[in-house]
């Protein structure tokens, strides 16, 4: 499976919406994807620890 910006974006959206308490509209998804890309230097966000994912995602919560 090829890991692309699109698949990384889908991964982020899926993770954000998994528990049903938030939607993609509650977060700046492109900002999250860009931040993760900078950290991982690639598009395979599955390598990121869940704690790190949520710490970064929380900084992109829209208020």
PDB file of N, CA and C in Angstrom:
ATOM      1  N   UNK A   1       0.832  -1.183   0.000  1.00  0.00           N
ATOM      2  CA  UNK A   1       0.000   0.000   0.000  1.00  0.00           C
ATOM      3  C   UNK A   1       0.875   1.243   0.000  1.00  0.00           C
ATOM      4  N   UNK A   2       0.577   2.153  -0.893  1.00  0.00           N
ATOM      5  CA  UNK A   2       1.311   3.400  -0.982  1.00  0.00           C
ATOM      6  C   UNK A   2       0.764   4.395   0.040  1.00  0.00           C
ATOM      7  N   UNK A   3       1.658   5.022   0.755  1.00  0.00           N
ATOM      8  CA  UNK A   3       1.249   6.004   1.748  1.00  0.00           C
ATOM      9  C   UNK A   3       1.437   7.390   1.133  1.00  0.00           C
ATOM     10  N   UNK A   4       0.334   8.126   1.041  1.00  0.00           N
ATOM     11  CA  UNK A   4       0.325   9.436   0.389  1.00  0.00           C
ATOM     12  C   UNK A   4      -0.278  10.479   1.329  1.00  0.00           C
ATOM     13  N   UNK A   5      -0.240  11.712   0.883  1.00  0.00           N
ATOM     14  CA  UNK A   5      -0.896  12.781   1.643  1.00  0.00           C
ATOM     15  C   UNK A   5      -2.371  12.455   1.856  1.00  0.00           C
ATOM     16  N   UNK A   6      -3.009  11.920   0.830  1.00  0.00           N
ATOM     17  CA  UNK A   6      -4.428  11.591   0.913  1.00  0.00           C
ATOM     18  C   UNK A   6      -4.687  10.483   1.936  1.00  0.00           C
ATOM     19  N   UNK A   7      -3.857   9.446   1.917  1.00  0.00           N
ATOM     20  CA  UNK A   7      -4.058   8.363   2.887  1.00  0.00           C
ATOM     21  C   UNK A   7      -3.717   8.828   4.301  1.00  0.00           C
ATOM     22  N   UNK A   8      -2.739   9.711   4.432  1.00  0.00           N
ATOM     23  CA  UNK A   8      -2.405  10.267   5.739  1.00  0.00           C
ATOM     24  C   UNK A   8      -3.553  11.127   6.262  1.00  0.00           C
ATOM     25  N   UNK A   9      -4.156  11.908   5.382  1.00  0.00           N
ATOM     26  CA  UNK A   9      -5.302  12.728   5.768  1.00  0.00           C
ATOM     27  C   UNK A   9      -6.469  11.844   6.194  1.00  0.00           C
ATOM     28  N   UNK A  10      -6.722  10.784   5.448  1.00  0.00           N
ATOM     29  CA  UNK A  10      -7.793   9.845   5.802  1.00  0.00           C
ATOM     30  C   UNK A  10      -7.512   9.204   7.155  1.00  0.00           C
ATOM     31  N   UNK A  11      -6.266   8.878   7.422  1.00  0.00           N
ATOM     32  CA  UNK A  11      -5.892   8.293   8.714  1.00  0.00           C
ATOM     33  C   UNK A  11      -6.192   9.268   9.851  1.00  0.00           C
ATOM     34  N   UNK A  12      -5.812  10.523   9.681  1.00  0.00           N
ATOM     35  CA  UNK A  12      -6.047  11.535  10.708  1.00  0.00           C
ATOM     36  C   UNK A  12      -7.539  11.708  10.957  1.00  0.00           C
ATOM     37  N   UNK A  13      -8.321  11.815   9.898  1.00  0.00           N
ATOM     38  CA  UNK A  13      -9.773  11.969  10.046  1.00  0.00           C
ATOM     39  C   UNK A  13     -10.371  10.768  10.757  1.00  0.00           C
ATOM     40  N   UNK A  14      -9.962   9.587  10.371  1.00  0.00           N
ATOM     41  CA  UNK A  14     -10.464   8.369  11.003  1.00  0.00           C
ATOM     42  C   UNK A  14     -10.136   8.349  12.491  1.00  0.00           C
ATOM     43  N   UNK A  15      -8.921   8.705  12.843  1.00  0.00           N
ATOM     44  CA  UNK A  15      -8.510   8.719  14.250  1.00  0.00           C
ATOM     45  C   UNK A  15      -9.294   9.760  15.038  1.00  0.00           C
ATOM     46  N   UNK A  16      -9.518  10.926  14.450  1.00  0.00           N
ATOM     47  CA  UNK A  16     -10.247  11.989  15.135  1.00  0.00           C
ATOM     48  C   UNK A  16     -11.705  11.605  15.385  1.00  0.00           C
ATOM     49  N   UNK A  17     -12.299  10.900  14.434  1.00  0.00           N
ATOM     50  CA  UNK A  17     -13.720  10.580  14.508  1.00  0.00           C
ATOM     51  C   UNK A  17     -14.013   9.197  15.099  1.00  0.00           C
ATOM     52  N   UNK A  18     -12.991   8.456  15.459  1.00  0.00           N
ATOM     53  CA  UNK A  18     -13.140   7.062  15.885  1.00  0.00           C
ATOM     54  C   UNK A  18     -14.055   6.879  17.092  1.00  0.00           C
ATOM     55  N   UNK A  19     -13.991   7.768  18.043  1.00  0.00           N
ATOM     56  CA  UNK A  19     -14.786   7.594  19.261  1.00  0.00           C
ATOM     57  C   UNK A  19     -16.162   8.222  19.152  1.00  0.00           C
ATOM     58  N   UNK A  20     -16.416   8.948  18.085  1.00  0.00           N
ATOM     59  CA  UNK A  20     -17.718   9.557  17.878  1.00  0.00           C
ATOM     60  C   UNK A  20     -17.959  10.819  18.679  1.00  0.00           C
ATOM     61  N   UNK A  21     -16.943  11.316  19.356  1.00  0.00           N
ATOM     62  CA  UNK A  21     -17.114  12.521  20.165  1.00  0.00           C
ATOM     63  C   UNK A  21     -16.674  13.786  19.447  1.00  0.00           C
ATOM     64  N   UNK A  22     -16.010  13.637  18.320  1.00  0.00           N
ATOM     65  CA  UNK A  22     -15.541  14.788  17.551  1.00  0.00           C
ATOM     66  C   UNK A  22     -15.655  14.463  16.066  1.00  0.00           C
ATOM     67  N   UNK A  23     -15.621  15.506  15.268  1.00  0.00           N
ATOM     68  CA  UNK A  23     -15.614  15.329  13.818  1.00  0.00           C
ATOM     69  C   UNK A  23     -14.425  16.067  13.238  1.00  0.00           C
ATOM     70  N   UNK A  24     -14.169  15.814  12.007  1.00  0.00           N
ATOM     71  CA  UNK A  24     -13.065  16.492  11.314  1.00  0.00           C
ATOM     72  C   UNK A  24     -13.235  18.001  11.346  1.00  0.00           C
ATOM     73  N   UNK A  25     -14.486  18.470  11.417  1.00  0.00           N
ATOM     74  CA  UNK A  25     -14.744  19.910  11.421  1.00  0.00           C
ATOM     75  C   UNK A  25     -14.337  20.576  12.729  1.00  0.00           C
ATOM     76  N   UNK A  26     -14.099  19.781  13.759  1.00  0.00           N
ATOM     77  CA  UNK A  26     -13.671  20.309  15.050  1.00  0.00           C
ATOM     78  C   UNK A  26     -12.169  20.600  15.086  1.00  0.00           C
ATOM     79  N   UNK A  27     -11.443  20.150  14.063  1.00  0.00           N
ATOM     80  CA  UNK A  27      -9.986  20.275  14.019  1.00  0.00           C
ATOM     81  C   UNK A  27      -9.529  20.873  12.699  1.00  0.00           C
ATOM     82  N   UNK A  28      -8.344  21.447  12.722  1.00  0.00           N
ATOM     83  CA  UNK A  28      -7.682  21.909  11.504  1.00  0.00           C
ATOM     84  C   UNK A  28      -6.906  20.711  10.947  1.00  0.00           C
ATOM     85  N   UNK A  29      -7.598  19.881  10.164  1.00  0.00           N
ATOM     86  CA  UNK A  29      -6.998  18.637   9.661  1.00  0.00           C
ATOM     87  C   UNK A  29      -5.755  18.907   8.816  1.00  0.00           C
ATOM     88  N   UNK A  30      -5.778  19.854   7.859  1.00  0.00           N
ATOM     89  CA  UNK A  30      -4.543  20.115   7.098  1.00  0.00           C
ATOM     90  C   UNK A  30      -3.379  20.536   7.997  1.00  0.00           C
ATOM     91  N   UNK A  31      -3.670  21.266   9.060  1.00  0.00           N
ATOM     92  CA  UNK A  31      -2.618  21.653  10.002  1.00  0.00           C
ATOM     93  C   UNK A  31      -2.034  20.454  10.727  1.00  0.00           C
ATOM     94  N   UNK A  32      -2.900  19.539  11.135  1.00  0.00           N
ATOM     95  CA  UNK A  32      -2.447  18.317  11.807  1.00  0.00           C
ATOM     96  C   UNK A  32      -1.580  17.497  10.867  1.00  0.00           C
ATOM     97  N   UNK A  33      -2.043  17.321   9.643  1.00  0.00           N
ATOM     98  CA  UNK A  33      -1.294  16.537   8.664  1.00  0.00           C
ATOM     99  C   UNK A  33       0.081  17.162   8.424  1.00  0.00           C
ATOM    100  N   UNK A  34       0.135  18.480   8.277  1.00  0.00           N
ATOM    101  CA  UNK A  34       1.413  19.160   8.050  1.00  0.00           C
ATOM    102  C   UNK A  34       2.348  18.995   9.244  1.00  0.00           C
ATOM    103  N   UNK A  35       1.805  19.106  10.455  1.00  0.00           N
ATOM    104  CA  UNK A  35       2.641  18.950  11.652  1.00  0.00           C
ATOM    105  C   UNK A  35       3.210  17.540  11.742  1.00  0.00           C
ATOM    106  N   UNK A  36       2.359  16.541  11.488  1.00  0.00           N
ATOM    107  CA  UNK A  36       2.829  15.160  11.524  1.00  0.00           C
ATOM    108  C   UNK A  36       3.871  14.910  10.443  1.00  0.00           C
ATOM    109  N   UNK A  37       3.654  15.478   9.286  1.00  0.00           N
ATOM    110  CA  UNK A  37       4.604  15.304   8.174  1.00  0.00           C
ATOM    111  C   UNK A  37       5.972  15.847   8.574  1.00  0.00           C
ATOM    112  N   UNK A  38       5.965  16.995   9.235  1.00  0.00           N
ATOM    113  CA  UNK A  38       7.228  17.590   9.686  1.00  0.00           C
ATOM    114  C   UNK A  38       7.948  16.694  10.690  1.00  0.00           C
ATOM    115  N   UNK A  39       7.186  16.039  11.549  1.00  0.00           N
ATOM    116  CA  UNK A  39       7.781  15.177  12.579  1.00  0.00           C
ATOM    117  C   UNK A  39       8.258  13.849  11.998  1.00  0.00           C
ATOM    118  N   UNK A  40       7.399  13.217  11.194  1.00  0.00           N
ATOM    119  CA  UNK A  40       7.718  11.880  10.691  1.00  0.00           C
ATOM    120  C   UNK A  40       8.574  11.896   9.437  1.00  0.00           C
ATOM    121  N   UNK A  41       8.636  13.056   8.779  1.00  0.00           N
ATOM    122  CA  UNK A  41       9.360  13.192   7.519  1.00  0.00           C
ATOM    123  C   UNK A  41       8.870  12.196   6.480  1.00  0.00           C
ATOM    124  N   UNK A  42       7.584  11.893   6.546  1.00  0.00           N
ATOM    125  CA  UNK A  42       6.942  10.970   5.617  1.00  0.00           C
ATOM    126  C   UNK A  42       5.446  11.004   5.857  1.00  0.00           C
ATOM    127  N   UNK A  43       4.734  10.132   5.163  1.00  0.00           N
ATOM    128  CA  UNK A  43       3.275  10.118   5.266  1.00  0.00           C
ATOM    129  C   UNK A  43       2.736   8.941   6.079  1.00  0.00           C
ATOM    130  N   UNK A  44       3.602   8.076   6.583  1.00  0.00           N
ATOM    131  CA  UNK A  44       3.133   6.907   7.326  1.00  0.00           C
ATOM    132  C   UNK A  44       2.938   7.263   8.792  1.00  0.00           C
ATOM    133  N   UNK A  45       1.762   7.798   9.098  1.00  0.00           N
ATOM    134  CA  UNK A  45       1.474   8.257  10.447  1.00  0.00           C
ATOM    135  C   UNK A  45       1.164   7.109  11.394  1.00  0.00           C
ATOM    136  N   UNK A  46       1.022   5.897  10.873  1.00  0.00           N
ATOM    137  CA  UNK A  46       0.798   4.730  11.735  1.00  0.00           C
ATOM    138  C   UNK A  46       1.988   4.505  12.671  1.00  0.00           C
ATOM    139  N   UNK A  47       3.127   5.054  12.313  1.00  0.00           N
ATOM    140  CA  UNK A  47       4.324   4.888  13.129  1.00  0.00           C
ATOM    141  C   UNK A  47       4.307   5.775  14.366  1.00  0.00           C
ATOM    142  N   UNK A  48       3.426   6.770  14.390  1.00  0.00           N
ATOM    143  CA  UNK A  48       3.379   7.706  15.505  1.00  0.00           C
ATOM    144  C   UNK A  48       2.619   7.103  16.686  1.00  0.00           C
ATOM    145  N   UNK A  49       3.132   7.321  17.874  1.00  0.00           N
ATOM    146  CA  UNK A  49       2.474   6.843  19.085  1.00  0.00           C
ATOM    147  C   UNK A  49       1.166   7.605  19.288  1.00  0.00           C
ATOM    148  N   UNK A  50       0.157   6.915  19.816  1.00  0.00           N
ATOM    149  CA  UNK A  50      -1.166   7.524  20.019  1.00  0.00           C
ATOM    150  C   UNK A  50      -1.092   8.749  20.926  1.00  0.00           C
ATOM    151  N   UNK A  51      -0.281   8.694  21.964  1.00  0.00           N
ATOM    152  CA  UNK A  51      -0.138   9.839  22.866  1.00  0.00           C
ATOM    153  C   UNK A  51       0.380  11.066  22.110  1.00  0.00           C
ATOM    154  N   UNK A  52       1.350  10.860  21.257  1.00  0.00           N
ATOM    155  CA  UNK A  52       1.895  11.952  20.449  1.00  0.00           C
ATOM    156  C   UNK A  52       0.840  12.462  19.481  1.00  0.00           C
ATOM    157  N   UNK A  53       0.094  11.538  18.878  1.00  0.00           N
ATOM    158  CA  UNK A  53      -0.977  11.931  17.957  1.00  0.00           C
ATOM    159  C   UNK A  53      -1.937  12.894  18.647  1.00  0.00           C
ATOM    160  N   UNK A  54      -2.436  12.516  19.809  1.00  0.00           N
ATOM    161  CA  UNK A  54      -3.435  13.331  20.497  1.00  0.00           C
ATOM    162  C   UNK A  54      -2.858  14.624  21.052  1.00  0.00           C
ATOM    163  N   UNK A  55      -1.612  14.609  21.450  1.00  0.00           N
ATOM    164  CA  UNK A  55      -0.978  15.844  21.925  1.00  0.00           C
ATOM    165  C   UNK A  55      -0.908  16.864  20.796  1.00  0.00           C
ATOM    166  N   UNK A  56      -0.525  16.412  19.614  1.00  0.00           N
ATOM    167  CA  UNK A  56      -0.445  17.319  18.473  1.00  0.00           C
ATOM    168  C   UNK A  56      -1.839  17.717  18.006  1.00  0.00           C
ATOM    169  N   UNK A  57      -2.729  16.750  17.875  1.00  0.00           N
ATOM    170  CA  UNK A  57      -4.082  17.050  17.401  1.00  0.00           C
ATOM    171  C   UNK A  57      -4.765  18.070  18.300  1.00  0.00           C
ATOM    172  N   UNK A  58      -4.539  17.972  19.606  1.00  0.00           N
ATOM    173  CA  UNK A  58      -5.205  18.886  20.534  1.00  0.00           C
ATOM    174  C   UNK A  58      -4.805  20.333  20.298  1.00  0.00           C
ATOM    175  N   UNK A  59      -3.618  20.547  19.756  1.00  0.00           N
ATOM    176  CA  UNK A  59      -3.192  21.921  19.474  1.00  0.00           C
ATOM    177  C   UNK A  59      -3.885  22.478  18.240  1.00  0.00           C
ATOM    178  N   UNK A  60      -4.548  21.641  17.474  1.00  0.00           N
ATOM    179  CA  UNK A  60      -5.250  22.061  16.265  1.00  0.00           C
ATOM    180  C   UNK A  60      -6.767  21.990  16.429  1.00  0.00           C
ATOM    181  N   UNK A  61      -7.230  21.948  17.669  1.00  0.00           N
ATOM    182  CA  UNK A  61      -8.655  21.957  17.963  1.00  0.00           C
ATOM    183  C   UNK A  61      -9.197  23.358  17.685  1.00  0.00           C
ATOM    184  N   UNK A  62     -10.249  23.393  16.904  1.00  0.00           N
ATOM    185  CA  UNK A  62     -10.886  24.687  16.614  1.00  0.00           C
ATOM    186  C   UNK A  62     -11.795  25.054  17.763  1.00  0.00           C
ATOM    187  N   UNK A  63     -11.758  26.322  18.129  1.00  0.00           N
ATOM    188  CA  UNK A  63     -12.623  26.776  19.222  1.00  0.00           C
ATOM    189  C   UNK A  63     -13.638  27.770  18.735  1.00  0.00           C
TER     190      UNK A  63
END
